[in-house]
């Protein structure tokens, strides 16, 4: 068995996928790289994937599928994975060689264990290449470092701290056991990936190393503000799926994890509300009301707690003044935390 399977979703990625793949290959020969060509048509992504598989058949698989979006590409990667662990690396991002030496050293210690660690967590770095700046997102204030632990030992996440797809490496069979399936043709599926499996995670290891480099700043990126407004219906869909997938608090017996997941869902509700208020149409206001009504109907207790949270009190103030206050608060957080 390979130590880890890396899934690399590629959609018209020919201009930058080589850099990503080369960084992953530096992790060693006991890895599996699954390049998922998501129906690319505008460049030679498919040919590049096949060429990589021909050059390194011992390590690389090239899988071609009809276009299904990032979520479907992750599903395909997981379906083809044979490694003990599973990690998604987006084709415009890359892994840090020195950090991955430490990551791989730990994962290799798990291959002979009867009960390997469920979740490995490392830092990720926002690389704003066009600005020449970088922001490291770490968890050293939250988790014990360098050993296996459980949620009961986790500390308090700061307001800007969340687990992202960039920072997690799951045990492959855990993802299959929870039946994780990401929706096709939908952006923001990474929120499901780092939320739904967490109650099944019993053991964790954190290393304070900057393993994942996340490129940010392209005009067409899904986190671009104008793009997010145009895709607001997909954001709303993901938020509803998260509401349905985990029933808080009863599905999460560990209190510290419950608090974290409640805060994550609160953040999702906040982002949805803010962008709907930015759109500023009657239809957008109706959608905002409908989303909150959906949460109230499906989980009245969590609705009351999230509606009163610091994130959402200002976001949902009535009147046009309230709308401006909510948007201003979002932009202040954006500058402080540099999340897009």
C-alpha atoms as a PDB file:
ATOM      1  CA  UNK A   1       0.000   0.000   0.000  1.00  0.00           C
ATOM      2  CA  UNK A   2       1.198   3.502  -0.791  1.00  0.00           C
ATOM      3  CA  UNK A   3       1.603   5.835   2.164  1.00  0.00           C
ATOM      4  CA  UNK A   4      -0.565   8.561   0.633  1.00  0.00           C
ATOM      5  CA  UNK A   5      -2.627   9.305  -2.449  1.00  0.00           C
ATOM      6  CA  UNK A   6      -2.504  12.869  -3.770  1.00  0.00           C
ATOM      7  CA  UNK A   7      -5.443  13.843  -5.979  1.00  0.00           C
ATOM      8  CA  UNK A   8      -4.752  16.751  -8.336  1.00  0.00           C
ATOM      9  CA  UNK A   9      -7.927  18.052 -10.013  1.00  0.00           C
ATOM     10  CA  UNK A  10      -7.014  19.682 -13.334  1.00  0.00           C
ATOM     11  CA  UNK A  11      -9.297  21.772 -15.517  1.00  0.00           C
ATOM     12  CA  UNK A  12      -7.531  23.640 -18.320  1.00  0.00           C
ATOM     13  CA  UNK A  13      -4.485  23.695 -16.056  1.00  0.00           C
ATOM     14  CA  UNK A  14      -1.702  23.228 -18.599  1.00  0.00           C
ATOM     15  CA  UNK A  15      -0.035  26.551 -17.744  1.00  0.00           C
ATOM     16  CA  UNK A  16       0.715  25.633 -14.145  1.00  0.00           C
ATOM     17  CA  UNK A  17      -0.012  21.948 -13.411  1.00  0.00           C
ATOM     18  CA  UNK A  18       3.628  20.877 -13.973  1.00  0.00           C
ATOM     19  CA  UNK A  19       4.827  22.975 -11.034  1.00  0.00           C
ATOM     20  CA  UNK A  20       2.206  21.388  -8.800  1.00  0.00           C
ATOM     21  CA  UNK A  21       2.983  17.824  -9.900  1.00  0.00           C
ATOM     22  CA  UNK A  22       6.730  18.321  -9.568  1.00  0.00           C
ATOM     23  CA  UNK A  23       6.292  19.546  -5.987  1.00  0.00           C
ATOM     24  CA  UNK A  24       4.183  16.503  -5.096  1.00  0.00           C
ATOM     25  CA  UNK A  25       6.656  14.048  -6.630  1.00  0.00           C
ATOM     26  CA  UNK A  26       9.354  15.308  -4.247  1.00  0.00           C
ATOM     27  CA  UNK A  27       7.451  13.563  -1.436  1.00  0.00           C
ATOM     28  CA  UNK A  28       9.020  10.200  -2.378  1.00  0.00           C
ATOM     29  CA  UNK A  29       8.349   6.956  -4.216  1.00  0.00           C
ATOM     30  CA  UNK A  30       5.851   5.594  -1.660  1.00  0.00           C
ATOM     31  CA  UNK A  31       3.159   7.979  -2.877  1.00  0.00           C
ATOM     32  CA  UNK A  32       0.408   7.835  -5.459  1.00  0.00           C
ATOM     33  CA  UNK A  33      -0.434  10.824  -7.645  1.00  0.00           C
ATOM     34  CA  UNK A  34      -3.865  10.815  -9.275  1.00  0.00           C
ATOM     35  CA  UNK A  35      -4.162  13.509 -11.930  1.00  0.00           C
ATOM     36  CA  UNK A  36      -7.853  14.015 -12.633  1.00  0.00           C
ATOM     37  CA  UNK A  37      -8.482  15.721 -15.963  1.00  0.00           C
ATOM     38  CA  UNK A  38     -11.915  17.262 -15.472  1.00  0.00           C
ATOM     39  CA  UNK A  39     -12.979  17.392 -19.121  1.00  0.00           C
ATOM     40  CA  UNK A  40     -10.390  19.993 -20.146  1.00  0.00           C
ATOM     41  CA  UNK A  41     -10.910  21.308 -23.696  1.00  0.00           C
ATOM     42  CA  UNK A  42      -9.109  24.656 -23.977  1.00  0.00           C
ATOM     43  CA  UNK A  43      -5.512  23.441 -23.689  1.00  0.00           C
ATOM     44  CA  UNK A  44      -3.418  20.286 -23.528  1.00  0.00           C
ATOM     45  CA  UNK A  45      -4.152  19.378 -19.900  1.00  0.00           C
ATOM     46  CA  UNK A  46      -5.282  15.878 -20.905  1.00  0.00           C
ATOM     47  CA  UNK A  47      -2.128  15.244 -22.927  1.00  0.00           C
ATOM     48  CA  UNK A  48       0.082  16.537 -20.125  1.00  0.00           C
ATOM     49  CA  UNK A  49      -1.657  14.211 -17.657  1.00  0.00           C
ATOM     50  CA  UNK A  50      -1.070  11.206 -19.921  1.00  0.00           C
ATOM     51  CA  UNK A  51       2.562  12.193 -20.473  1.00  0.00           C
ATOM     52  CA  UNK A  52       3.168  12.389 -16.737  1.00  0.00           C
ATOM     53  CA  UNK A  53       1.607   8.933 -16.305  1.00  0.00           C
ATOM     54  CA  UNK A  54       3.860   7.541 -19.043  1.00  0.00           C
ATOM     55  CA  UNK A  55       6.959   9.069 -17.422  1.00  0.00           C
ATOM     56  CA  UNK A  56       6.172   7.822 -13.893  1.00  0.00           C
ATOM     57  CA  UNK A  57       3.827   4.812 -14.146  1.00  0.00           C
ATOM     58  CA  UNK A  58       5.049   3.600 -10.755  1.00  0.00           C
ATOM     59  CA  UNK A  59       3.585   6.661  -9.064  1.00  0.00           C
ATOM     60  CA  UNK A  60       1.184   8.542 -11.362  1.00  0.00           C
ATOM     61  CA  UNK A  61      -2.277   7.700 -12.657  1.00  0.00           C
ATOM     62  CA  UNK A  62      -4.055   9.887 -15.210  1.00  0.00           C
ATOM     63  CA  UNK A  63      -7.846   9.721 -14.971  1.00  0.00           C
ATOM     64  CA  UNK A  64     -10.098  11.479 -17.482  1.00  0.00           C
ATOM     65  CA  UNK A  65     -13.725  12.363 -16.822  1.00  0.00           C
ATOM     66  CA  UNK A  66     -16.459  14.469 -18.320  1.00  0.00           C
ATOM     67  CA  UNK A  67     -16.491  17.912 -16.779  1.00  0.00           C
ATOM     68  CA  UNK A  68     -18.037  17.673 -13.335  1.00  0.00           C
ATOM     69  CA  UNK A  69     -16.310  20.451 -11.435  1.00  0.00           C
ATOM     70  CA  UNK A  70     -13.878  20.384  -8.544  1.00  0.00           C
ATOM     71  CA  UNK A  71     -16.106  18.274  -6.299  1.00  0.00           C
ATOM     72  CA  UNK A  72     -16.533  15.522  -8.859  1.00  0.00           C
ATOM     73  CA  UNK A  73     -12.783  15.530  -9.510  1.00  0.00           C
ATOM     74  CA  UNK A  74     -12.153  15.021  -5.778  1.00  0.00           C
ATOM     75  CA  UNK A  75     -14.716  12.181  -5.765  1.00  0.00           C
ATOM     76  CA  UNK A  76     -12.898  10.575  -8.700  1.00  0.00           C
ATOM     77  CA  UNK A  77      -9.563  10.959  -6.967  1.00  0.00           C
ATOM     78  CA  UNK A  78     -10.903   9.301  -3.814  1.00  0.00           C
ATOM     79  CA  UNK A  79     -12.488   6.478  -5.811  1.00  0.00           C
ATOM     80  CA  UNK A  80      -9.093   5.719  -7.389  1.00  0.00           C
ATOM     81  CA  UNK A  81      -7.004   6.149  -4.254  1.00  0.00           C
ATOM     82  CA  UNK A  82      -5.097   3.187  -2.829  1.00  0.00           C
ATOM     83  CA  UNK A  83      -2.940   5.042  -0.289  1.00  0.00           C
ATOM     84  CA  UNK A  84      -3.361   4.919   3.472  1.00  0.00           C
ATOM     85  CA  UNK A  85      -3.907   8.694   3.447  1.00  0.00           C
ATOM     86  CA  UNK A  86      -5.592  11.050   0.997  1.00  0.00           C
ATOM     87  CA  UNK A  87      -4.833  14.672   0.163  1.00  0.00           C
ATOM     88  CA  UNK A  88      -6.168  17.054  -2.468  1.00  0.00           C
ATOM     89  CA  UNK A  89      -3.695  19.450  -4.075  1.00  0.00           C
ATOM     90  CA  UNK A  90      -5.188  21.969  -6.482  1.00  0.00           C
ATOM     91  CA  UNK A  91      -3.325  22.257  -9.769  1.00  0.00           C
ATOM     92  CA  UNK A  92      -2.386  25.921  -9.294  1.00  0.00           C
ATOM     93  CA  UNK A  93      -0.982  25.323  -5.800  1.00  0.00           C
ATOM     94  CA  UNK A  94       2.103  23.471  -4.615  1.00  0.00           C
ATOM     95  CA  UNK A  95       3.652  21.678  -1.641  1.00  0.00           C
ATOM     96  CA  UNK A  96       6.685  22.849   0.281  1.00  0.00           C
ATOM     97  CA  UNK A  97       9.491  20.310  -0.075  1.00  0.00           C
ATOM     98  CA  UNK A  98      11.117  20.807   3.324  1.00  0.00           C
ATOM     99  CA  UNK A  99       7.815  20.786   5.216  1.00  0.00           C
ATOM    100  CA  UNK A 100       6.644  17.665   3.396  1.00  0.00           C
ATOM    101  CA  UNK A 101       9.764  15.790   4.522  1.00  0.00           C
ATOM    102  CA  UNK A 102       8.486  16.092   8.089  1.00  0.00           C
ATOM    103  CA  UNK A 103       4.891  15.344   7.082  1.00  0.00           C
ATOM    104  CA  UNK A 104       5.856  12.215   5.163  1.00  0.00           C
ATOM    105  CA  UNK A 105       8.117  11.014   7.983  1.00  0.00           C
ATOM    106  CA  UNK A 106       5.113  11.002  10.327  1.00  0.00           C
ATOM    107  CA  UNK A 107       2.723   9.392   7.845  1.00  0.00           C
ATOM    108  CA  UNK A 108       5.224   6.595   7.225  1.00  0.00           C
ATOM    109  CA  UNK A 109       5.186   5.753  10.943  1.00  0.00           C
ATOM    110  CA  UNK A 110       1.469   5.022  10.607  1.00  0.00           C
ATOM    111  CA  UNK A 111       1.653   2.401   7.864  1.00  0.00           C
ATOM    112  CA  UNK A 112       2.238  -0.503  10.272  1.00  0.00           C
ATOM    113  CA  UNK A 113      -0.125   0.638  13.008  1.00  0.00           C
ATOM    114  CA  UNK A 114      -3.367  -1.189  13.671  1.00  0.00           C
ATOM    115  CA  UNK A 115      -5.168   2.142  14.181  1.00  0.00           C
ATOM    116  CA  UNK A 116      -3.396   4.884  12.207  1.00  0.00           C
ATOM    117  CA  UNK A 117      -4.042   8.533  12.978  1.00  0.00           C
ATOM    118  CA  UNK A 118      -7.309   9.685  11.381  1.00  0.00           C
ATOM    119  CA  UNK A 119      -6.348  13.258  10.498  1.00  0.00           C
ATOM    120  CA  UNK A 120      -3.050  15.024   9.922  1.00  0.00           C
ATOM    121  CA  UNK A 121      -3.021  18.838  10.000  1.00  0.00           C
ATOM    122  CA  UNK A 122      -0.346  21.215   8.769  1.00  0.00           C
ATOM    123  CA  UNK A 123      -0.123  24.932   8.038  1.00  0.00           C
ATOM    124  CA  UNK A 124      -0.976  26.540   4.720  1.00  0.00           C
ATOM    125  CA  UNK A 125       0.291  29.754   3.195  1.00  0.00           C
ATOM    126  CA  UNK A 126      -1.652  32.304   1.158  1.00  0.00           C
ATOM    127  CA  UNK A 127       0.712  33.185  -1.668  1.00  0.00           C
ATOM    128  CA  UNK A 128      -0.354  36.511  -3.196  1.00  0.00           C
ATOM    129  CA  UNK A 129       2.149  36.230  -6.006  1.00  0.00           C
ATOM    130  CA  UNK A 130       1.104  39.444  -7.775  1.00  0.00           C
ATOM    131  CA  UNK A 131       1.707  41.389  -4.527  1.00  0.00           C
ATOM    132  CA  UNK A 132       4.819  39.477  -3.509  1.00  0.00           C
ATOM    133  CA  UNK A 133       3.276  38.780  -0.094  1.00  0.00           C
ATOM    134  CA  UNK A 134       2.434  35.669   1.884  1.00  0.00           C
ATOM    135  CA  UNK A 135       0.339  34.956   4.953  1.00  0.00           C
ATOM    136  CA  UNK A 136       0.915  31.812   7.032  1.00  0.00           C
ATOM    137  CA  UNK A 137      -2.184  30.240   8.573  1.00  0.00           C
ATOM    138  CA  UNK A 138      -1.136  28.072  11.521  1.00  0.00           C
ATOM    139  CA  UNK A 139      -2.770  26.223  14.414  1.00  0.00           C
ATOM    140  CA  UNK A 140      -0.037  26.304  17.048  1.00  0.00           C
ATOM    141  CA  UNK A 141      -2.399  28.050  19.483  1.00  0.00           C
ATOM    142  CA  UNK A 142      -5.053  25.354  18.961  1.00  0.00           C
ATOM    143  CA  UNK A 143      -3.375  21.938  18.848  1.00  0.00           C
ATOM    144  CA  UNK A 144      -0.592  20.093  20.662  1.00  0.00           C
ATOM    145  CA  UNK A 145       2.344  19.783  18.298  1.00  0.00           C
ATOM    146  CA  UNK A 146       4.131  16.652  17.156  1.00  0.00           C
ATOM    147  CA  UNK A 147       2.037  13.900  18.767  1.00  0.00           C
ATOM    148  CA  UNK A 148      -1.283  12.161  18.397  1.00  0.00           C
ATOM    149  CA  UNK A 149      -4.201  13.647  20.343  1.00  0.00           C
ATOM    150  CA  UNK A 150      -8.003  13.845  20.380  1.00  0.00           C
ATOM    151  CA  UNK A 151     -10.505  16.699  20.121  1.00  0.00           C
ATOM    152  CA  UNK A 152     -10.654  16.919  23.927  1.00  0.00           C
ATOM    153  CA  UNK A 153      -7.125  18.388  23.860  1.00  0.00           C
ATOM    154  CA  UNK A 154      -7.869  21.008  21.208  1.00  0.00           C
ATOM    155  CA  UNK A 155      -7.732  24.630  22.263  1.00  0.00           C
ATOM    156  CA  UNK A 156      -9.706  27.633  21.070  1.00  0.00           C
ATOM    157  CA  UNK A 157      -9.716  28.595  17.387  1.00  0.00           C
ATOM    158  CA  UNK A 158      -9.336  32.297  16.702  1.00  0.00           C
ATOM    159  CA  UNK A 159     -12.025  33.973  14.610  1.00  0.00           C
ATOM    160  CA  UNK A 160      -9.910  33.708  11.457  1.00  0.00           C
ATOM    161  CA  UNK A 161      -8.799  30.105  12.027  1.00  0.00           C
ATOM    162  CA  UNK A 162     -10.518  27.265  10.235  1.00  0.00           C
ATOM    163  CA  UNK A 163      -9.413  23.948   8.827  1.00  0.00           C
ATOM    164  CA  UNK A 164      -9.249  24.234   5.060  1.00  0.00           C
ATOM    165  CA  UNK A 165      -8.767  21.566   2.439  1.00  0.00           C
ATOM    166  CA  UNK A 166      -5.219  22.901   2.164  1.00  0.00           C
ATOM    167  CA  UNK A 167      -4.374  22.017   5.757  1.00  0.00           C
ATOM    168  CA  UNK A 168      -5.827  18.502   6.101  1.00  0.00           C
ATOM    169  CA  UNK A 169      -4.720  14.982   5.229  1.00  0.00           C
ATOM    170  CA  UNK A 170      -7.372  12.359   6.026  1.00  0.00           C
ATOM    171  CA  UNK A 171      -7.034   8.630   6.465  1.00  0.00           C
ATOM    172  CA  UNK A 172      -8.516   7.387   3.194  1.00  0.00           C
ATOM    173  CA  UNK A 173     -10.818   4.754   4.680  1.00  0.00           C
ATOM    174  CA  UNK A 174     -12.289   7.268   7.114  1.00  0.00           C
ATOM    175  CA  UNK A 175     -13.537   9.354   4.174  1.00  0.00           C
ATOM    176  CA  UNK A 176     -15.075   6.238   2.646  1.00  0.00           C
ATOM    177  CA  UNK A 177     -16.641   5.180   5.918  1.00  0.00           C
ATOM    178  CA  UNK A 178     -18.428   8.521   6.320  1.00  0.00           C
ATOM    179  CA  UNK A 179     -19.558   8.320   2.681  1.00  0.00           C
ATOM    180  CA  UNK A 180     -18.246  11.717   1.683  1.00  0.00           C
ATOM    181  CA  UNK A 181     -19.506  12.667  -1.781  1.00  0.00           C
ATOM    182  CA  UNK A 182     -19.076  16.218  -3.042  1.00  0.00           C
ATOM    183  CA  UNK A 183     -21.688  17.718  -5.368  1.00  0.00           C
ATOM    184  CA  UNK A 184     -20.789  18.086  -9.036  1.00  0.00           C
ATOM    185  CA  UNK A 185     -20.762  21.408 -10.914  1.00  0.00           C
ATOM    186  CA  UNK A 186     -20.634  23.331  -7.648  1.00  0.00           C
ATOM    187  CA  UNK A 187     -17.944  25.594  -6.238  1.00  0.00           C
ATOM    188  CA  UNK A 188     -17.038  25.851  -2.535  1.00  0.00           C
ATOM    189  CA  UNK A 189     -17.267  22.069  -1.992  1.00  0.00           C
ATOM    190  CA  UNK A 190     -14.092  22.232   0.100  1.00  0.00           C
ATOM    191  CA  UNK A 191     -16.282  23.445   2.966  1.00  0.00           C
ATOM    192  CA  UNK A 192     -18.081  20.091   2.993  1.00  0.00           C
ATOM    193  CA  UNK A 193     -14.773  18.234   2.821  1.00  0.00           C
ATOM    194  CA  UNK A 194     -13.404  19.879   5.979  1.00  0.00           C
ATOM    195  CA  UNK A 195     -16.675  19.856   7.929  1.00  0.00           C
ATOM    196  CA  UNK A 196     -18.733  16.705   7.411  1.00  0.00           C
ATOM    197  CA  UNK A 197     -16.023  14.102   8.263  1.00  0.00           C
ATOM    198  CA  UNK A 198     -14.880  15.762  11.513  1.00  0.00           C
ATOM    199  CA  UNK A 199     -17.215  13.948  13.967  1.00  0.00           C
ATOM    200  CA  UNK A 200     -15.747  10.634  12.729  1.00  0.00           C
ATOM    201  CA  UNK A 201     -12.187  11.804  13.450  1.00  0.00           C
ATOM    202  CA  UNK A 202     -10.974  10.385  16.769  1.00  0.00           C
ATOM    203  CA  UNK A 203      -7.198  10.894  16.519  1.00  0.00           C
ATOM    204  CA  UNK A 204      -5.247  13.856  15.125  1.00  0.00           C
ATOM    205  CA  UNK A 205      -1.651  14.916  14.651  1.00  0.00           C
ATOM    206  CA  UNK A 206      -0.538  18.499  14.006  1.00  0.00           C
ATOM    207  CA  UNK A 207       2.851  19.618  12.731  1.00  0.00           C
ATOM    208  CA  UNK A 208       3.731  23.303  12.787  1.00  0.00           C
ATOM    209  CA  UNK A 209       5.153  23.282   9.250  1.00  0.00           C
ATOM    210  CA  UNK A 210       4.060  25.325   6.222  1.00  0.00           C
ATOM    211  CA  UNK A 211       3.243  22.387   3.970  1.00  0.00           C
ATOM    212  CA  UNK A 212       0.746  23.838   1.484  1.00  0.00           C
ATOM    213  CA  UNK A 213       1.179  26.914  -0.687  1.00  0.00           C
ATOM    214  CA  UNK A 214      -2.119  28.362  -1.855  1.00  0.00           C
ATOM    215  CA  UNK A 215      -1.961  30.708  -4.844  1.00  0.00           C
ATOM    216  CA  UNK A 216      -4.522  33.495  -4.545  1.00  0.00           C
ATOM    217  CA  UNK A 217      -5.335  36.579  -6.555  1.00  0.00           C
ATOM    218  CA  UNK A 218      -6.335  35.496 -10.074  1.00  0.00           C
ATOM    219  CA  UNK A 219      -9.361  37.366 -11.372  1.00  0.00           C
ATOM    220  CA  UNK A 220     -11.219  34.133 -12.171  1.00  0.00           C
ATOM    221  CA  UNK A 221     -10.670  32.497  -8.776  1.00  0.00           C
ATOM    222  CA  UNK A 222     -13.736  31.274  -6.938  1.00  0.00           C
ATOM    223  CA  UNK A 223     -12.866  33.453  -3.905  1.00  0.00           C
ATOM    224  CA  UNK A 224     -12.780  36.634  -5.984  1.00  0.00           C
ATOM    225  CA  UNK A 225     -15.518  38.948  -4.695  1.00  0.00           C
ATOM    226  CA  UNK A 226     -17.275  39.517  -8.016  1.00  0.00           C
ATOM    227  CA  UNK A 227     -17.077  35.816  -8.816  1.00  0.00           C
ATOM    228  CA  UNK A 228     -18.584  34.947  -5.444  1.00  0.00           C
ATOM    229  CA  UNK A 229     -21.528  37.249  -6.071  1.00  0.00           C
ATOM    230  CA  UNK A 230     -22.148  35.600  -9.436  1.00  0.00           C
ATOM    231  CA  UNK A 231     -22.049  32.148  -7.805  1.00  0.00           C
ATOM    232  CA  UNK A 232     -24.077  32.955  -4.706  1.00  0.00           C
ATOM    233  CA  UNK A 233     -26.592  30.174  -5.399  1.00  0.00           C
ATOM    234  CA  UNK A 234     -23.773  27.631  -5.157  1.00  0.00           C
ATOM    235  CA  UNK A 235     -22.638  29.102  -1.838  1.00  0.00           C
ATOM    236  CA  UNK A 236     -26.210  28.777  -0.578  1.00  0.00           C
ATOM    237  CA  UNK A 237     -26.406  25.166  -1.753  1.00  0.00           C
ATOM    238  CA  UNK A 238     -23.217  24.219   0.065  1.00  0.00           C
ATOM    239  CA  UNK A 239     -24.434  25.909   3.257  1.00  0.00           C
ATOM    240  CA  UNK A 240     -27.714  23.989   3.168  1.00  0.00           C
ATOM    241  CA  UNK A 241     -25.875  20.704   2.611  1.00  0.00           C
ATOM    242  CA  UNK A 242     -23.750  21.416   5.685  1.00  0.00           C
ATOM    243  CA  UNK A 243     -26.835  22.206   7.767  1.00  0.00           C
ATOM    244  CA  UNK A 244     -28.342  18.858   6.781  1.00  0.00           C
ATOM    245  CA  UNK A 245     -25.197  16.712   6.962  1.00  0.00           C
ATOM    246  CA  UNK A 246     -24.345  17.246  10.631  1.00  0.00           C
ATOM    247  CA  UNK A 247     -27.044  17.773  13.228  1.00  0.00           C
ATOM    248  CA  UNK A 248     -25.560  20.064  15.842  1.00  0.00           C
ATOM    249  CA  UNK A 249     -25.106  19.497  18.705  1.00  0.00           C
ATOM    250  CA  UNK A 250     -26.278  15.872  18.961  1.00  0.00           C
ATOM    251  CA  UNK A 251     -24.080  14.483  16.175  1.00  0.00           C
ATOM    252  CA  UNK A 252     -20.944  15.890  17.838  1.00  0.00           C
ATOM    253  CA  UNK A 253     -20.487  14.545  21.372  1.00  0.00           C
ATOM    254  CA  UNK A 254     -17.132  16.281  21.891  1.00  0.00           C
ATOM    255  CA  UNK A 255     -17.876  19.813  23.105  1.00  0.00           C
ATOM    256  CA  UNK A 256     -14.763  21.477  21.713  1.00  0.00           C
ATOM    257  CA  UNK A 257     -15.439  20.093  18.262  1.00  0.00           C
ATOM    258  CA  UNK A 258     -19.096  21.065  18.548  1.00  0.00           C
ATOM    259  CA  UNK A 259     -18.117  24.664  19.308  1.00  0.00           C
ATOM    260  CA  UNK A 260     -15.725  24.749  16.364  1.00  0.00           C
ATOM    261  CA  UNK A 261     -18.306  23.322  13.942  1.00  0.00           C
ATOM    262  CA  UNK A 262     -20.933  25.775  15.159  1.00  0.00           C
ATOM    263  CA  UNK A 263     -18.515  28.641  14.516  1.00  0.00           C
ATOM    264  CA  UNK A 264     -17.745  27.271  11.045  1.00  0.00           C
ATOM    265  CA  UNK A 265     -21.429  27.096  10.161  1.00  0.00           C
ATOM    266  CA  UNK A 266     -21.845  30.599  11.557  1.00  0.00           C
ATOM    267  CA  UNK A 267     -19.068  31.787   9.232  1.00  0.00           C
ATOM    268  CA  UNK A 268     -20.840  30.162   6.263  1.00  0.00           C
ATOM    269  CA  UNK A 269     -24.094  31.898   7.172  1.00  0.00           C
ATOM    270  CA  UNK A 270     -22.243  35.201   7.539  1.00  0.00           C
ATOM    271  CA  UNK A 271     -20.553  34.946   4.127  1.00  0.00           C
ATOM    272  CA  UNK A 272     -23.839  34.040   2.455  1.00  0.00           C
ATOM    273  CA  UNK A 273     -25.630  36.929   4.125  1.00  0.00           C
ATOM    274  CA  UNK A 274     -22.918  39.481   3.328  1.00  0.00           C
ATOM    275  CA  UNK A 275     -22.751  38.635  -0.362  1.00  0.00           C
ATOM    276  CA  UNK A 276     -26.511  38.651  -0.697  1.00  0.00           C
ATOM    277  CA  UNK A 277     -26.520  42.116   0.859  1.00  0.00           C
ATOM    278  CA  UNK A 278     -23.788  43.202  -1.543  1.00  0.00           C
ATOM    279  CA  UNK A 279     -25.975  42.120  -4.447  1.00  0.00           C
ATOM    280  CA  UNK A 280     -28.666  44.338  -2.906  1.00  0.00           C
ATOM    281  CA  UNK A 281     -31.778  43.293  -4.827  1.00  0.00           C
ATOM    282  CA  UNK A 282     -35.199  42.221  -3.590  1.00  0.00           C
ATOM    283  CA  UNK A 283     -34.454  38.714  -4.853  1.00  0.00           C
ATOM    284  CA  UNK A 284     -31.208  38.616  -2.893  1.00  0.00           C
ATOM    285  CA  UNK A 285     -32.976  39.713   0.285  1.00  0.00           C
ATOM    286  CA  UNK A 286     -35.571  36.972  -0.248  1.00  0.00           C
ATOM    287  CA  UNK A 287     -32.768  34.420  -0.591  1.00  0.00           C
ATOM    288  CA  UNK A 288     -31.146  35.655   2.609  1.00  0.00           C
ATOM    289  CA  UNK A 289     -34.424  35.345   4.483  1.00  0.00           C
ATOM    290  CA  UNK A 290     -34.972  31.872   3.000  1.00  0.00           C
ATOM    291  CA  UNK A 291     -31.534  30.650   4.099  1.00  0.00           C
ATOM    292  CA  UNK A 292     -32.079  31.741   7.688  1.00  0.00           C
ATOM    293  CA  UNK A 293     -35.562  30.224   7.622  1.00  0.00           C
ATOM    294  CA  UNK A 294     -34.020  26.961   6.414  1.00  0.00           C
ATOM    295  CA  UNK A 295     -31.623  26.881   9.362  1.00  0.00           C
ATOM    296  CA  UNK A 296     -34.420  27.764  11.793  1.00  0.00           C
ATOM    297  CA  UNK A 297     -36.620  24.973  10.410  1.00  0.00           C
ATOM    298  CA  UNK A 298     -33.917  22.299  10.433  1.00  0.00           C
ATOM    299  CA  UNK A 299     -32.147  23.231  13.672  1.00  0.00           C
ATOM    300  CA  UNK A 300     -33.958  25.809  15.837  1.00  0.00           C
ATOM    301  CA  UNK A 301     -31.413  25.647  18.667  1.00  0.00           C
ATOM    302  CA  UNK A 302     -28.402  26.305  16.436  1.00  0.00           C
ATOM    303  CA  UNK A 303     -30.370  28.972  14.565  1.00  0.00           C
ATOM    304  CA  UNK A 304     -30.828  30.971  17.774  1.00  0.00           C
ATOM    305  CA  UNK A 305     -27.174  30.638  18.739  1.00  0.00           C
ATOM    306  CA  UNK A 306     -25.767  31.502  15.308  1.00  0.00           C
ATOM    307  CA  UNK A 307     -28.198  34.364  14.694  1.00  0.00           C
ATOM    308  CA  UNK A 308     -26.967  35.982  17.915  1.00  0.00           C
ATOM    309  CA  UNK A 309     -23.283  35.313  17.247  1.00  0.00           C
ATOM    310  CA  UNK A 310     -20.781  38.134  16.869  1.00  0.00           C
ATOM    311  CA  UNK A 311     -20.359  37.307  13.179  1.00  0.00           C
ATOM    312  CA  UNK A 312     -24.044  37.544  12.354  1.00  0.00           C
ATOM    313  CA  UNK A 313     -25.564  40.228  14.542  1.00  0.00           C
ATOM    314  CA  UNK A 314     -24.060  43.024  12.445  1.00  0.00           C
ATOM    315  CA  UNK A 315     -24.463  41.145   9.174  1.00  0.00           C
ATOM    316  CA  UNK A 316     -28.225  41.002   9.455  1.00  0.00           C
ATOM    317  CA  UNK A 317     -29.128  44.397  10.874  1.00  0.00           C
ATOM    318  CA  UNK A 318     -32.258  45.723   9.141  1.00  0.00           C
ATOM    319  CA  UNK A 319     -32.388  48.767   6.862  1.00  0.00           C
ATOM    320  CA  UNK A 320     -29.877  50.036   4.335  1.00  0.00           C
ATOM    321  CA  UNK A 321     -27.648  51.292   7.146  1.00  0.00           C
ATOM    322  CA  UNK A 322     -27.523  47.772   8.543  1.00  0.00           C
ATOM    323  CA  UNK A 323     -26.568  46.461   5.114  1.00  0.00           C
ATOM    324  CA  UNK A 324     -23.669  48.916   4.879  1.00  0.00           C
ATOM    325  CA  UNK A 325     -22.474  48.097   8.395  1.00  0.00           C
ATOM    326  CA  UNK A 326     -22.427  44.374   7.567  1.00  0.00           C
ATOM    327  CA  UNK A 327     -20.487  44.867   4.338  1.00  0.00           C
ATOM    328  CA  UNK A 328     -18.006  47.232   6.013  1.00  0.00           C
ATOM    329  CA  UNK A 329     -17.380  44.653   8.729  1.00  0.00           C
ATOM    330  CA  UNK A 330     -16.686  42.009   6.091  1.00  0.00           C
ATOM    331  CA  UNK A 331     -14.191  44.217   4.265  1.00  0.00           C
ATOM    332  CA  UNK A 332     -12.397  45.043   7.528  1.00  0.00           C
ATOM    333  CA  UNK A 333     -12.046  41.324   8.270  1.00  0.00           C
ATOM    334  CA  UNK A 334     -10.841  40.788   4.727  1.00  0.00           C
ATOM    335  CA  UNK A 335      -8.002  43.279   5.185  1.00  0.00           C
ATOM    336  CA  UNK A 336      -7.050  41.999   8.635  1.00  0.00           C
ATOM    337  CA  UNK A 337      -7.077  38.288   7.826  1.00  0.00           C
ATOM    338  CA  UNK A 338      -6.091  38.566   4.120  1.00  0.00           C
ATOM    339  CA  UNK A 339      -8.394  35.730   3.104  1.00  0.00           C
ATOM    340  CA  UNK A 340      -8.950  36.950  -0.463  1.00  0.00           C
END
